[in-house]
Amino acid sequence: MGELVPIFGMMTGIVMMTVLGITIVKVLNGPVGKALAKRMGYGGEGEEPSPETEALLERLESVEHRLVETEERLEFTERLLSDPARRGDGT
């Protein structure tokens, strides 16, 4: 009988943690969780971005374009430097 108490205690803990986990998941997937996500800024489906966000997105696009151009120039320079005939070494 003394060995059954710890086993039942562990089983009770497992069952309680499972029930608690399922409850938390259901609450967070329900309207309460969606309201919390929206309040924290994660649930903005269908919302128009703010002017500041639009400006940042445009700036990011510009930086990405400049980065692509820089990478292309770097690759071209690497090709030129790796070809001795183009450098004028003539070896």
PDB file of N, CA and C in Angstrom:
ATOM      1  N   MET A   1       0.821  -1.201   0.000  1.00  0.00           N
ATOM      2  CA  MET A   1       0.000   0.000   0.000  1.00  0.00           C
ATOM      3  C   MET A   1       0.863   1.262   0.000  1.00  0.00           C
ATOM      4  N   GLY A   2       1.997   1.222   0.689  1.00  0.00           N
ATOM      5  CA  GLY A   2       2.878   2.369   0.772  1.00  0.00           C
ATOM      6  C   GLY A   2       3.496   2.720  -0.572  1.00  0.00           C
ATOM      7  N   GLU A   3       3.617   1.751  -1.472  1.00  0.00           N
ATOM      8  CA  GLU A   3       4.197   2.010  -2.790  1.00  0.00           C
ATOM      9  C   GLU A   3       3.191   2.638  -3.738  1.00  0.00           C
ATOM     10  N   LEU A   4       1.902   2.481  -3.468  1.00  0.00           N
ATOM     11  CA  LEU A   4       0.876   3.010  -4.364  1.00  0.00           C
ATOM     12  C   LEU A   4       0.693   4.518  -4.225  1.00  0.00           C
ATOM     13  N   VAL A   5       0.990   5.068  -3.053  1.00  0.00           N
ATOM     14  CA  VAL A   5       0.782   6.506  -2.831  1.00  0.00           C
ATOM     15  C   VAL A   5       1.646   7.346  -3.768  1.00  0.00           C
ATOM     16  N   PRO A   6       2.949   7.063  -3.895  1.00  0.00           N
ATOM     17  CA  PRO A   6       3.739   7.873  -4.844  1.00  0.00           C
ATOM     18  C   PRO A   6       3.289   7.685  -6.294  1.00  0.00           C
ATOM     19  N   ILE A   7       2.873   6.489  -6.648  1.00  0.00           N
ATOM     20  CA  ILE A   7       2.421   6.238  -8.018  1.00  0.00           C
ATOM     21  C   ILE A   7       1.158   7.044  -8.301  1.00  0.00           C
ATOM     22  N   PHE A   8       0.188   7.000  -7.367  1.00  0.00           N
ATOM     23  CA  PHE A   8      -1.034   7.779  -7.568  1.00  0.00           C
ATOM     24  C   PHE A   8      -0.742   9.279  -7.551  1.00  0.00           C
ATOM     25  N   GLY A   9       0.227   9.712  -6.753  1.00  0.00           N
ATOM     26  CA  GLY A   9       0.613  11.117  -6.728  1.00  0.00           C
ATOM     27  C   GLY A   9       1.181  11.553  -8.069  1.00  0.00           C
ATOM     28  N   MET A  10       2.032  10.722  -8.657  1.00  0.00           N
ATOM     29  CA  MET A  10       2.606  11.040  -9.966  1.00  0.00           C
ATOM     30  C   MET A  10       1.524  11.038 -11.037  1.00  0.00           C
ATOM     31  N   MET A  11       0.625  10.065 -10.985  1.00  0.00           N
ATOM     32  CA  MET A  11      -0.445  10.002 -11.986  1.00  0.00           C
ATOM     33  C   MET A  11      -1.369  11.206 -11.863  1.00  0.00           C
ATOM     34  N   THR A  12      -1.656  11.629 -10.630  1.00  0.00           N
ATOM     35  CA  THR A  12      -2.491  12.812 -10.419  1.00  0.00           C
ATOM     36  C   THR A  12      -1.798  14.049 -10.988  1.00  0.00           C
ATOM     37  N   GLY A  13      -0.507  14.158 -10.757  1.00  0.00           N
ATOM     38  CA  GLY A  13       0.244  15.288 -11.306  1.00  0.00           C
ATOM     39  C   GLY A  13       0.228  15.308 -12.819  1.00  0.00           C
ATOM     40  N   ILE A  14       0.392  14.141 -13.436  1.00  0.00           N
ATOM     41  CA  ILE A  14       0.381  14.058 -14.902  1.00  0.00           C
ATOM     42  C   ILE A  14      -0.983  14.456 -15.446  1.00  0.00           C
ATOM     43  N   VAL A  15      -2.050  13.937 -14.828  1.00  0.00           N
ATOM     44  CA  VAL A  15      -3.399  14.263 -15.281  1.00  0.00           C
ATOM     45  C   VAL A  15      -3.676  15.753 -15.112  1.00  0.00           C
ATOM     46  N   MET A  16      -3.293  16.315 -13.974  1.00  0.00           N
ATOM     47  CA  MET A  16      -3.540  17.734 -13.729  1.00  0.00           C
ATOM     48  C   MET A  16      -2.766  18.619 -14.707  1.00  0.00           C
ATOM     49  N   MET A  17      -1.527  18.255 -15.002  1.00  0.00           N
ATOM     50  CA  MET A  17      -0.736  19.043 -15.947  1.00  0.00           C
ATOM     51  C   MET A  17      -1.330  18.949 -17.355  1.00  0.00           C
ATOM     52  N   THR A  18      -1.824  17.774 -17.723  1.00  0.00           N
ATOM     53  CA  THR A  18      -2.455  17.611 -19.033  1.00  0.00           C
ATOM     54  C   THR A  18      -3.706  18.468 -19.132  1.00  0.00           C
ATOM     55  N   VAL A  19      -4.544  18.423 -18.103  1.00  0.00           N
ATOM     56  CA  VAL A  19      -5.769  19.226 -18.101  1.00  0.00           C
ATOM     57  C   VAL A  19      -5.422  20.710 -18.133  1.00  0.00           C
ATOM     58  N   LEU A  20      -4.441  21.124 -17.361  1.00  0.00           N
ATOM     59  CA  LEU A  20      -4.025  22.525 -17.344  1.00  0.00           C
ATOM     60  C   LEU A  20      -3.500  22.955 -18.717  1.00  0.00           C
ATOM     61  N   GLY A  21      -2.695  22.104 -19.329  1.00  0.00           N
ATOM     62  CA  GLY A  21      -2.159  22.416 -20.651  1.00  0.00           C
ATOM     63  C   GLY A  21      -3.251  22.558 -21.693  1.00  0.00           C
ATOM     64  N   ILE A  22      -4.208  21.627 -21.692  1.00  0.00           N
ATOM     65  CA  ILE A  22      -5.314  21.694 -22.656  1.00  0.00           C
ATOM     66  C   ILE A  22      -6.141  22.951 -22.424  1.00  0.00           C
ATOM     67  N   THR A  23      -6.385  23.289 -21.163  1.00  0.00           N
ATOM     68  CA  THR A  23      -7.158  24.488 -20.841  1.00  0.00           C
ATOM     69  C   THR A  23      -6.447  25.744 -21.332  1.00  0.00           C
ATOM     70  N   ILE A  24      -5.157  25.829 -21.107  1.00  0.00           N
ATOM     71  CA  ILE A  24      -4.398  27.007 -21.555  1.00  0.00           C
ATOM     72  C   ILE A  24      -4.446  27.132 -23.069  1.00  0.00           C
ATOM     73  N   VAL A  25      -4.269  26.014 -23.764  1.00  0.00           N
ATOM     74  CA  VAL A  25      -4.300  26.049 -25.234  1.00  0.00           C
ATOM     75  C   VAL A  25      -5.664  26.499 -25.728  1.00  0.00           C
ATOM     76  N   LYS A  26      -6.733  25.972 -25.132  1.00  0.00           N
ATOM     77  CA  LYS A  26      -8.084  26.363 -25.563  1.00  0.00           C
ATOM     78  C   LYS A  26      -8.356  27.838 -25.289  1.00  0.00           C
ATOM     79  N   VAL A  27      -7.900  28.327 -24.147  1.00  0.00           N
ATOM     80  CA  VAL A  27      -8.122  29.738 -23.824  1.00  0.00           C
ATOM     81  C   VAL A  27      -7.341  30.629 -24.786  1.00  0.00           C
ATOM     82  N   LEU A  28      -6.096  30.271 -25.065  1.00  0.00           N
ATOM     83  CA  LEU A  28      -5.273  31.111 -25.944  1.00  0.00           C
ATOM     84  C   LEU A  28      -5.716  31.043 -27.399  1.00  0.00           C
ATOM     85  N   ASN A  29      -6.367  29.958 -27.809  1.00  0.00           N
ATOM     86  CA  ASN A  29      -6.887  29.866 -29.170  1.00  0.00           C
ATOM     87  C   ASN A  29      -8.279  30.472 -29.291  1.00  0.00           C
ATOM     88  N   GLY A  30      -8.890  30.818 -28.192  1.00  0.00           N
ATOM     89  CA  GLY A  30     -10.230  31.390 -28.196  1.00  0.00           C
ATOM     90  C   GLY A  30     -10.186  32.902 -28.314  1.00  0.00           C
ATOM     91  N   PRO A  31     -11.323  33.529 -28.053  1.00  0.00           N
ATOM     92  CA  PRO A  31     -11.395  34.993 -28.183  1.00  0.00           C
ATOM     93  C   PRO A  31     -10.496  35.740 -27.197  1.00  0.00           C
ATOM     94  N   VAL A  32     -10.277  35.162 -26.027  1.00  0.00           N
ATOM     95  CA  VAL A  32      -9.408  35.814 -25.050  1.00  0.00           C
ATOM     96  C   VAL A  32      -7.979  35.875 -25.585  1.00  0.00           C
ATOM     97  N   GLY A  33      -7.504  34.765 -26.123  1.00  0.00           N
ATOM     98  CA  GLY A  33      -6.155  34.727 -26.681  1.00  0.00           C
ATOM     99  C   GLY A  33      -6.002  35.644 -27.870  1.00  0.00           C
ATOM    100  N   LYS A  34      -7.031  35.710 -28.715  1.00  0.00           N
ATOM    101  CA  LYS A  34      -6.966  36.594 -29.879  1.00  0.00           C
ATOM    102  C   LYS A  34      -6.951  38.058 -29.448  1.00  0.00           C
ATOM    103  N   ALA A  35      -7.714  38.379 -28.407  1.00  0.00           N
ATOM    104  CA  ALA A  35      -7.710  39.752 -27.905  1.00  0.00           C
ATOM    105  C   ALA A  35      -6.346  40.107 -27.315  1.00  0.00           C
ATOM    106  N   LEU A  36      -5.753  39.162 -26.586  1.00  0.00           N
ATOM    107  CA  LEU A  36      -4.414  39.409 -26.040  1.00  0.00           C
ATOM    108  C   LEU A  36      -3.396  39.596 -27.159  1.00  0.00           C
ATOM    109  N   ALA A  37      -3.474  38.756 -28.186  1.00  0.00           N
ATOM    110  CA  ALA A  37      -2.535  38.861 -29.301  1.00  0.00           C
ATOM    111  C   ALA A  37      -2.702  40.199 -30.016  1.00  0.00           C
ATOM    112  N   LYS A  38      -3.941  40.614 -30.207  1.00  0.00           N
ATOM    113  CA  LYS A  38      -4.178  41.888 -30.881  1.00  0.00           C
ATOM    114  C   LYS A  38      -3.640  43.042 -30.042  1.00  0.00           C
ATOM    115  N   ARG A  39      -3.839  42.956 -28.727  1.00  0.00           N
ATOM    116  CA  ARG A  39      -3.358  44.020 -27.846  1.00  0.00           C
ATOM    117  C   ARG A  39      -1.834  44.085 -27.848  1.00  0.00           C
ATOM    118  N   MET A  40      -1.178  42.922 -27.976  1.00  0.00           N
ATOM    119  CA  MET A  40       0.286  42.896 -28.006  1.00  0.00           C
ATOM    120  C   MET A  40       0.823  43.200 -29.396  1.00  0.00           C
ATOM    121  N   GLY A  41      -0.050  43.296 -30.396  1.00  0.00           N
ATOM    122  CA  GLY A  41       0.381  43.662 -31.730  1.00  0.00           C
ATOM    123  C   GLY A  41       0.631  42.491 -32.652  1.00  0.00           C
ATOM    124  N   TYR A  42       0.152  41.291 -32.292  1.00  0.00           N
ATOM    125  CA  TYR A  42       0.384  40.123 -33.128  1.00  0.00           C
ATOM    126  C   TYR A  42      -0.836  39.717 -33.933  1.00  0.00           C
ATOM    127  N   GLY A  43      -1.962  40.320 -33.733  1.00  0.00           N
ATOM    128  CA  GLY A  43      -3.166  39.860 -34.400  1.00  0.00           C
ATOM    129  C   GLY A  43      -3.735  40.876 -35.363  1.00  0.00           C
ATOM    130  N   GLY A  44      -2.906  41.553 -36.110  1.00  0.00           N
ATOM    131  CA  GLY A  44      -3.363  42.627 -36.964  1.00  0.00           C
ATOM    132  C   GLY A  44      -3.760  42.201 -38.352  1.00  0.00           C
ATOM    133  N   GLU A  45      -4.561  41.164 -38.481  1.00  0.00           N
ATOM    134  CA  GLU A  45      -4.994  40.743 -39.811  1.00  0.00           C
ATOM    135  C   GLU A  45      -5.985  41.758 -40.367  1.00  0.00           C
ATOM    136  N   GLY A  46      -5.751  42.188 -41.583  1.00  0.00           N
ATOM    137  CA  GLY A  46      -6.673  43.081 -42.248  1.00  0.00           C
ATOM    138  C   GLY A  46      -6.538  44.541 -41.866  1.00  0.00           C
ATOM    139  N   GLU A  47      -5.640  44.866 -40.995  1.00  0.00           N
ATOM    140  CA  GLU A  47      -5.463  46.257 -40.603  1.00  0.00           C
ATOM    141  C   GLU A  47      -4.520  46.959 -41.572  1.00  0.00           C
ATOM    142  N   GLU A  48      -4.780  48.229 -41.795  1.00  0.00           N
ATOM    143  CA  GLU A  48      -3.903  49.030 -42.637  1.00  0.00           C
ATOM    144  C   GLU A  48      -2.654  49.400 -41.841  1.00  0.00           C
ATOM    145  N   PRO A  49      -1.482  49.285 -42.453  1.00  0.00           N
ATOM    146  CA  PRO A  49      -0.267  49.685 -41.734  1.00  0.00           C
ATOM    147  C   PRO A  49      -0.240  51.201 -41.533  1.00  0.00           C
ATOM    148  N   SER A  50       0.406  51.600 -40.469  1.00  0.00           N
ATOM    149  CA  SER A  50       0.506  53.025 -40.156  1.00  0.00           C
ATOM    150  C   SER A  50       1.458  53.692 -41.154  1.00  0.00           C
ATOM    151  N   PRO A  51       1.394  55.017 -41.251  1.00  0.00           N
ATOM    152  CA  PRO A  51       2.307  55.725 -42.170  1.00  0.00           C
ATOM    153  C   PRO A  51       3.778  55.484 -41.823  1.00  0.00           C
ATOM    154  N   GLU A  52       4.072  55.353 -40.525  1.00  0.00           N
ATOM    155  CA  GLU A  52       5.455  55.088 -40.133  1.00  0.00           C
ATOM    156  C   GLU A  52       5.899  53.719 -40.643  1.00  0.00           C
ATOM    157  N   THR A  53       4.991  52.740 -40.541  1.00  0.00           N
ATOM    158  CA  THR A  53       5.303  51.397 -41.025  1.00  0.00           C
ATOM    159  C   THR A  53       5.504  51.403 -42.534  1.00  0.00           C
ATOM    160  N   GLU A  54       4.645  52.124 -43.238  1.00  0.00           N
ATOM    161  CA  GLU A  54       4.781  52.229 -44.695  1.00  0.00           C
ATOM    162  C   GLU A  54       6.128  52.833 -45.070  1.00  0.00           C
ATOM    163  N   ALA A  55       6.520  53.899 -44.364  1.00  0.00           N
ATOM    164  CA  ALA A  55       7.802  54.550 -44.658  1.00  0.00           C
ATOM    165  C   ALA A  55       8.962  53.598 -44.391  1.00  0.00           C
ATOM    166  N   LEU A  56       8.878  52.843 -43.304  1.00  0.00           N
ATOM    167  CA  LEU A  56       9.941  51.884 -43.001  1.00  0.00           C
ATOM    168  C   LEU A  56      10.003  50.772 -44.043  1.00  0.00           C
ATOM    169  N   LEU A  57       8.848  50.305 -44.504  1.00  0.00           N
ATOM    170  CA  LEU A  57       8.829  49.261 -45.534  1.00  0.00           C
ATOM    171  C   LEU A  57       9.443  49.768 -46.840  1.00  0.00           C
ATOM    172  N   GLU A  58       9.125  51.010 -47.218  1.00  0.00           N
ATOM    173  CA  GLU A  58       9.712  51.581 -48.423  1.00  0.00           C
ATOM    174  C   GLU A  58      11.227  51.719 -48.283  1.00  0.00           C
ATOM    175  N   ARG A  59      11.666  52.146 -47.113  1.00  0.00           N
ATOM    176  CA  ARG A  59      13.108  52.287 -46.880  1.00  0.00           C
ATOM    177  C   ARG A  59      13.798  50.926 -46.920  1.00  0.00           C
ATOM    178  N   LEU A  60      13.149  49.920 -46.350  1.00  0.00           N
ATOM    179  CA  LEU A  60      13.705  48.565 -46.375  1.00  0.00           C
ATOM    180  C   LEU A  60      13.828  48.058 -47.801  1.00  0.00           C
ATOM    181  N   GLU A  61      12.815  48.314 -48.617  1.00  0.00           N
ATOM    182  CA  GLU A  61      12.879  47.919 -50.021  1.00  0.00           C
ATOM    183  C   GLU A  61      14.054  48.582 -50.722  1.00  0.00           C
ATOM    184  N   SER A  62      14.258  49.869 -50.448  1.00  0.00           N
ATOM    185  CA  SER A  62      15.364  50.604 -51.057  1.00  0.00           C
ATOM    186  C   SER A  62      16.708  50.008 -50.623  1.00  0.00           C
ATOM    187  N   VAL A  63      16.843  49.698 -49.351  1.00  0.00           N
ATOM    188  CA  VAL A  63      18.091  49.120 -48.850  1.00  0.00           C
ATOM    189  C   VAL A  63      18.323  47.741 -49.457  1.00  0.00           C
ATOM    190  N   GLU A  64      17.264  46.946 -49.580  1.00  0.00           N
ATOM    191  CA  GLU A  64      17.404  45.622 -50.205  1.00  0.00           C
ATOM    192  C   GLU A  64      17.866  45.760 -51.648  1.00  0.00           C
ATOM    193  N   HIS A  65      17.309  46.733 -52.376  1.00  0.00           N
ATOM    194  CA  HIS A  65      17.702  46.944 -53.769  1.00  0.00           C
ATOM    195  C   HIS A  65      19.177  47.340 -53.860  1.00  0.00           C
ATOM    196  N   ARG A  66      19.596  48.240 -52.977  1.00  0.00           N
ATOM    197  CA  ARG A  66      21.005  48.653 -52.970  1.00  0.00           C
ATOM    198  C   ARG A  66      21.921  47.490 -52.620  1.00  0.00           C
ATOM    199  N   LEU A  67      21.481  46.628 -51.698  1.00  0.00           N
ATOM    200  CA  LEU A  67      22.284  45.469 -51.320  1.00  0.00           C
ATOM    201  C   LEU A  67      22.461  44.514 -52.497  1.00  0.00           C
ATOM    202  N   VAL A  68      21.384  44.276 -53.245  1.00  0.00           N
ATOM    203  CA  VAL A  68      21.477  43.399 -54.416  1.00  0.00           C
ATOM    204  C   VAL A  68      22.451  43.981 -55.432  1.00  0.00           C
ATOM    205  N   GLU A  69      22.362  45.284 -55.675  1.00  0.00           N
ATOM    206  CA  GLU A  69      23.289  45.926 -56.622  1.00  0.00           C
ATOM    207  C   GLU A  69      24.734  45.801 -56.141  1.00  0.00           C
ATOM    208  N   THR A  70      24.967  45.994 -54.856  1.00  0.00           N
ATOM    209  CA  THR A  70      26.312  45.893 -54.302  1.00  0.00           C
ATOM    210  C   THR A  70      26.849  44.470 -54.429  1.00  0.00           C
ATOM    211  N   GLU A  71      25.996  43.486 -54.172  1.00  0.00           N
ATOM    212  CA  GLU A  71      26.434  42.095 -54.310  1.00  0.00           C
ATOM    213  C   GLU A  71      26.798  41.773 -55.756  1.00  0.00           C
ATOM    214  N   GLU A  72      26.010  42.297 -56.716  1.00  0.00           N
ATOM    215  CA  GLU A  72      26.321  42.063 -58.128  1.00  0.00           C
ATOM    216  C   GLU A  72      27.662  42.693 -58.494  1.00  0.00           C
ATOM    217  N   ARG A  73      27.928  43.903 -58.015  1.00  0.00           N
ATOM    218  CA  ARG A  73      29.198  44.568 -58.295  1.00  0.00           C
ATOM    219  C   ARG A  73      30.363  43.808 -57.667  1.00  0.00           C
ATOM    220  N   LEU A  74      30.163  43.299 -56.462  1.00  0.00           N
ATOM    221  CA  LEU A  74      31.208  42.534 -55.792  1.00  0.00           C
ATOM    222  C   LEU A  74      31.522  41.254 -56.568  1.00  0.00           C
ATOM    223  N   GLU A  75      30.488  40.557 -57.015  1.00  0.00           N
ATOM    224  CA  GLU A  75      30.710  39.341 -57.801  1.00  0.00           C
ATOM    225  C   GLU A  75      31.464  39.654 -59.090  1.00  0.00           C
ATOM    226  N   PHE A  76      31.090  40.751 -59.747  1.00  0.00           N
ATOM    227  CA  PHE A  76      31.775  41.141 -60.980  1.00  0.00           C
ATOM    228  C   PHE A  76      33.247  41.439 -60.700  1.00  0.00           C
ATOM    229  N   THR A  77      33.524  42.165 -59.628  1.00  0.00           N
ATOM    230  CA  THR A  77      34.900  42.493 -59.265  1.00  0.00           C
ATOM    231  C   THR A  77      35.686  41.237 -58.937  1.00  0.00           C
ATOM    232  N   GLU A  78      35.073  40.306 -58.227  1.00  0.00           N
ATOM    233  CA  GLU A  78      35.754  39.045 -57.910  1.00  0.00           C
ATOM    234  C   GLU A  78      36.085  38.263 -59.175  1.00  0.00           C
ATOM    235  N   ARG A  79      35.168  38.267 -60.144  1.00  0.00           N
ATOM    236  CA  ARG A  79      35.448  37.572 -61.409  1.00  0.00           C
ATOM    237  C   ARG A  79      36.606  38.229 -62.139  1.00  0.00           C
ATOM    238  N   LEU A  80      36.630  39.564 -62.149  1.00  0.00           N
ATOM    239  CA  LEU A  80      37.724  40.277 -62.815  1.00  0.00           C
ATOM    240  C   LEU A  80      39.067  39.976 -62.145  1.00  0.00           C
ATOM    241  N   LEU A  81      39.084  39.978 -60.827  1.00  0.00           N
ATOM    242  CA  LEU A  81      40.335  39.751 -60.117  1.00  0.00           C
ATOM    243  C   LEU A  81      40.803  38.308 -60.198  1.00  0.00           C
ATOM    244  N   SER A  82      39.884  37.376 -60.412  1.00  0.00           N
ATOM    245  CA  SER A  82      40.293  35.972 -60.467  1.00  0.00           C
ATOM    246  C   SER A  82      40.772  35.564 -61.858  1.00  0.00           C
ATOM    247  N   ASP A  83      40.562  36.392 -62.880  1.00  0.00           N
ATOM    248  CA  ASP A  83      40.974  36.067 -64.251  1.00  0.00           C
ATOM    249  C   ASP A  83      42.238  36.858 -64.582  1.00  0.00           C
ATOM    250  N   PRO A  84      43.403  36.167 -64.659  1.00  0.00           N
ATOM    251  CA  PRO A  84      44.664  36.886 -64.915  1.00  0.00           C
ATOM    252  C   PRO A  84      44.696  37.582 -66.272  1.00  0.00           C
ATOM    253  N   ALA A  85      44.006  37.045 -67.270  1.00  0.00           N
ATOM    254  CA  ALA A  85      44.008  37.659 -68.608  1.00  0.00           C
ATOM    255  C   ALA A  85      43.340  39.025 -68.571  1.00  0.00           C
ATOM    256  N   ARG A  86      42.346  39.189 -67.760  1.00  0.00           N
ATOM    257  CA  ARG A  86      41.629  40.476 -67.682  1.00  0.00           C
ATOM    258  C   ARG A  86      42.404  41.490 -66.842  1.00  0.00           C
ATOM    259  N   ARG A  87      43.243  41.010 -65.935  1.00  0.00           N
ATOM    260  CA  ARG A  87      44.006  41.927 -65.098  1.00  0.00           C
ATOM    261  C   ARG A  87      45.186  42.520 -65.834  1.00  0.00           C
ATOM    262  N   GLY A  88      45.581  41.879 -66.931  1.00  0.00           N
ATOM    263  CA  GLY A  88      46.721  42.381 -67.676  1.00  0.00           C
ATOM    264  C   GLY A  88      48.020  41.702 -67.296  1.00  0.00           C
ATOM    265  N   ASP A  89      47.951  40.617 -66.492  1.00  0.00           N
ATOM    266  CA  ASP A  89      49.158  39.894 -66.127  1.00  0.00           C
ATOM    267  C   ASP A  89      49.725  39.149 -67.327  1.00  0.00           C
ATOM    268  N   GLY A  90      48.812  38.607 -68.165  1.00  0.00           N
ATOM    269  CA  GLY A  90      49.234  37.929 -69.385  1.00  0.00           C
ATOM    270  C   GLY A  90      50.003  36.655 -69.171  1.00  0.00           C
ATOM    271  N   THR A  91      49.868  36.003 -68.031  1.00  0.00           N
ATOM    272  CA  THR A  91      50.600  34.770 -67.787  1.00  0.00           C
ATOM    273  C   THR A  91      49.990  33.581 -68.434  1.00  0.00           C
TER     274      THR A  91
END
